[in-house]
Amino acid sequence: MLLEFYILLIPFCVVPVFLVSLDCLNKIAELKRNSHSVIDFDKFVKRKGEGDDVDIDIAKLLDIEKIAV
């Protein structure tokens, strides 16, 4: 009787906890991947403005204050 209880306990209790843990780790990893792909436009234009002549001209044309939201 005790052996059958453990046989039922493992698949119905331990495996779901393991799967939920894997899903949580997957969601955390996905959030980290997505957060690295976001570009801050203000910082990008400021860095481009410190570059070569072409980048400086582009940064002047893309004045942040002139962009409408």
N, C-alpha and C. Protein backbone atom coordinates (compact mmCIF):
# COMPACT_ATOMS: atom_id res chain seq x y z
N MET A 1 0.82 -1.19 0.00
CA MET A 1 0.00 0.00 0.00
C MET A 1 0.87 1.26 0.00
N LEU A 2 1.93 1.26 0.79
CA LEU A 2 2.80 2.42 0.88
C LEU A 2 3.56 2.64 -0.44
N LEU A 3 3.95 1.57 -1.08
CA LEU A 3 4.65 1.68 -2.36
C LEU A 3 3.76 2.31 -3.44
N GLU A 4 2.49 1.91 -3.48
CA GLU A 4 1.57 2.48 -4.46
C GLU A 4 1.36 3.97 -4.20
N PHE A 5 1.34 4.34 -2.94
CA PHE A 5 1.18 5.75 -2.58
C PHE A 5 2.35 6.57 -3.13
N TYR A 6 3.56 6.09 -2.96
CA TYR A 6 4.73 6.80 -3.47
C TYR A 6 4.76 6.81 -5.00
N ILE A 7 4.28 5.76 -5.61
CA ILE A 7 4.23 5.72 -7.06
C ILE A 7 3.26 6.78 -7.59
N LEU A 8 2.18 7.02 -6.89
CA LEU A 8 1.23 8.05 -7.28
C LEU A 8 1.70 9.44 -6.86
N LEU A 9 2.43 9.53 -5.80
CA LEU A 9 2.88 10.82 -5.28
C LEU A 9 3.89 11.48 -6.22
N ILE A 10 4.80 10.72 -6.75
CA ILE A 10 5.86 11.28 -7.59
C ILE A 10 5.29 11.91 -8.87
N PRO A 11 4.49 11.22 -9.66
CA PRO A 11 4.02 11.86 -10.90
C PRO A 11 3.06 13.03 -10.67
N PHE A 12 2.23 12.97 -9.66
CA PHE A 12 1.21 13.98 -9.50
C PHE A 12 1.61 15.14 -8.60
N CYS A 13 2.71 15.07 -7.91
CA CYS A 13 3.14 16.16 -7.04
C CYS A 13 4.50 16.73 -7.44
N VAL A 14 5.44 15.88 -7.69
CA VAL A 14 6.80 16.34 -7.96
C VAL A 14 6.95 16.86 -9.38
N VAL A 15 6.39 16.18 -10.33
CA VAL A 15 6.54 16.57 -11.74
C VAL A 15 5.88 17.93 -12.02
N PRO A 16 4.65 18.21 -11.56
CA PRO A 16 4.09 19.54 -11.80
C PRO A 16 4.91 20.68 -11.18
N VAL A 17 5.46 20.46 -10.02
CA VAL A 17 6.31 21.47 -9.39
C VAL A 17 7.55 21.71 -10.25
N PHE A 18 8.12 20.67 -10.77
CA PHE A 18 9.28 20.78 -11.64
C PHE A 18 8.93 21.54 -12.92
N LEU A 19 7.78 21.25 -13.52
CA LEU A 19 7.38 21.92 -14.75
C LEU A 19 7.08 23.40 -14.52
N VAL A 20 6.46 23.74 -13.41
CA VAL A 20 6.19 25.14 -13.09
C VAL A 20 7.50 25.89 -12.87
N SER A 21 8.46 25.26 -12.24
CA SER A 21 9.77 25.88 -12.04
C SER A 21 10.46 26.14 -13.37
N LEU A 22 10.41 25.19 -14.28
CA LEU A 22 11.00 25.37 -15.60
C LEU A 22 10.32 26.50 -16.36
N ASP A 23 9.00 26.59 -16.25
CA ASP A 23 8.27 27.66 -16.93
C ASP A 23 8.66 29.03 -16.36
N CYS A 24 8.81 29.10 -15.07
CA CYS A 24 9.21 30.35 -14.43
C CYS A 24 10.62 30.77 -14.89
N LEU A 25 11.53 29.84 -14.94
CA LEU A 25 12.89 30.15 -15.40
C LEU A 25 12.89 30.57 -16.86
N ASN A 26 12.03 29.96 -17.67
CA ASN A 26 11.93 30.33 -19.08
C ASN A 26 11.41 31.76 -19.23
N LYS A 27 10.41 32.14 -18.44
CA LYS A 27 9.86 33.50 -18.51
C LYS A 27 10.89 34.53 -18.06
N ILE A 28 11.66 34.22 -17.03
CA ILE A 28 12.70 35.15 -16.56
C ILE A 28 13.76 35.33 -17.65
N ALA A 29 14.17 34.25 -18.29
CA ALA A 29 15.17 34.34 -19.35
C ALA A 29 14.63 35.13 -20.55
N GLU A 30 13.35 34.97 -20.86
CA GLU A 30 12.75 35.70 -21.97
C GLU A 30 12.69 37.20 -21.67
N LEU A 31 12.38 37.56 -20.43
CA LEU A 31 12.36 38.97 -20.05
C LEU A 31 13.75 39.58 -20.15
N LYS A 32 14.77 38.83 -19.77
CA LYS A 32 16.14 39.34 -19.89
C LYS A 32 16.54 39.52 -21.34
N ARG A 33 16.14 38.58 -22.20
CA ARG A 33 16.45 38.71 -23.62
C ARG A 33 15.75 39.92 -24.22
N ASN A 34 14.52 40.15 -23.86
CA ASN A 34 13.77 41.28 -24.41
C ASN A 34 14.27 42.61 -23.88
N SER A 35 14.75 42.67 -22.66
CA SER A 35 15.19 43.94 -22.10
C SER A 35 16.50 44.40 -22.75
N HIS A 36 17.30 43.50 -23.27
CA HIS A 36 18.56 43.90 -23.90
C HIS A 36 18.35 44.45 -25.31
N SER A 37 17.20 44.19 -25.91
CA SER A 37 16.98 44.63 -27.27
C SER A 37 16.32 46.01 -27.35
N VAL A 38 16.01 46.63 -26.20
CA VAL A 38 15.40 47.95 -26.20
C VAL A 38 16.49 49.02 -26.30
N ILE A 39 16.30 49.96 -27.22
CA ILE A 39 17.29 51.01 -27.44
C ILE A 39 16.71 52.33 -26.95
N ASP A 40 17.47 53.03 -26.12
CA ASP A 40 17.06 54.35 -25.66
C ASP A 40 17.44 55.34 -26.76
N PHE A 41 16.43 55.95 -27.39
CA PHE A 41 16.66 56.79 -28.56
C PHE A 41 17.48 58.03 -28.21
N ASP A 42 17.23 58.63 -27.04
CA ASP A 42 17.98 59.83 -26.64
C ASP A 42 19.48 59.53 -26.52
N LYS A 43 19.82 58.44 -25.85
CA LYS A 43 21.23 58.07 -25.70
C LYS A 43 21.86 57.73 -27.05
N PHE A 44 21.08 57.08 -27.90
CA PHE A 44 21.59 56.71 -29.22
C PHE A 44 21.96 57.96 -30.03
N VAL A 45 21.09 58.98 -30.04
CA VAL A 45 21.35 60.19 -30.80
C VAL A 45 22.53 60.95 -30.21
N LYS A 46 22.64 60.98 -28.87
CA LYS A 46 23.76 61.68 -28.23
C LYS A 46 25.09 61.00 -28.58
N ARG A 47 25.10 59.68 -28.59
CA ARG A 47 26.33 58.97 -28.95
C ARG A 47 26.67 59.17 -30.42
N LYS A 48 25.64 59.20 -31.27
CA LYS A 48 25.89 59.43 -32.69
C LYS A 48 26.38 60.85 -32.93
N GLY A 49 25.93 61.82 -32.11
CA GLY A 49 26.37 63.20 -32.24
C GLY A 49 27.83 63.38 -31.90
N GLU A 50 28.41 62.45 -31.17
CA GLU A 50 29.82 62.52 -30.80
C GLU A 50 30.70 61.76 -31.79
N GLY A 51 30.09 61.23 -32.85
CA GLY A 51 30.83 60.41 -33.82
C GLY A 51 31.46 61.23 -34.91
N ASP A 52 31.50 60.67 -36.13
CA ASP A 52 32.12 61.36 -37.26
C ASP A 52 31.19 62.43 -37.83
N ASP A 53 31.58 63.07 -38.93
CA ASP A 53 30.83 64.20 -39.48
C ASP A 53 29.42 63.81 -39.93
N VAL A 54 29.28 62.65 -40.53
CA VAL A 54 27.96 62.21 -40.99
C VAL A 54 27.04 61.99 -39.80
N ASP A 55 27.56 61.36 -38.75
CA ASP A 55 26.75 61.12 -37.56
C ASP A 55 26.35 62.44 -36.89
N ILE A 56 27.22 63.41 -36.88
CA ILE A 56 26.92 64.71 -36.29
C ILE A 56 25.80 65.39 -37.07
N ASP A 57 25.84 65.33 -38.40
CA ASP A 57 24.78 65.93 -39.22
C ASP A 57 23.44 65.24 -39.00
N ILE A 58 23.46 63.91 -38.91
CA ILE A 58 22.22 63.16 -38.66
C ILE A 58 21.65 63.52 -37.30
N ALA A 59 22.50 63.64 -36.28
CA ALA A 59 22.03 63.99 -34.95
C ALA A 59 21.43 65.39 -34.93
N LYS A 60 21.98 66.31 -35.72
CA LYS A 60 21.41 67.66 -35.80
C LYS A 60 20.04 67.63 -36.46
N LEU A 61 19.87 66.79 -37.49
CA LEU A 61 18.58 66.67 -38.15
C LEU A 61 17.54 66.01 -37.25
N LEU A 62 17.97 65.12 -36.40
CA LEU A 62 17.06 64.41 -35.49
C LEU A 62 17.02 65.06 -34.12
N ASP A 63 16.77 66.34 -34.08
CA ASP A 63 16.71 67.05 -32.80
C ASP A 63 15.53 66.47 -31.99
N ILE A 64 15.83 66.06 -30.79
CA ILE A 64 14.83 65.36 -29.95
C ILE A 64 13.62 66.26 -29.67
N GLU A 65 13.85 67.56 -29.51
CA GLU A 65 12.75 68.46 -29.15
C GLU A 65 11.77 68.66 -30.30
N LYS A 66 12.20 68.40 -31.54
CA LYS A 66 11.34 68.60 -32.69
C LYS A 66 10.48 67.38 -33.00
N ILE A 67 10.75 66.25 -32.36
CA ILE A 67 10.01 65.03 -32.65
C ILE A 67 8.71 65.04 -31.87
N ALA A 68 7.60 64.86 -32.57
CA ALA A 68 6.29 64.83 -31.92
C ALA A 68 5.99 63.40 -31.46
N VAL A 69 5.38 63.30 -30.32
CA VAL A 69 5.04 61.97 -29.79
C VAL A 69 3.68 61.58 -30.25
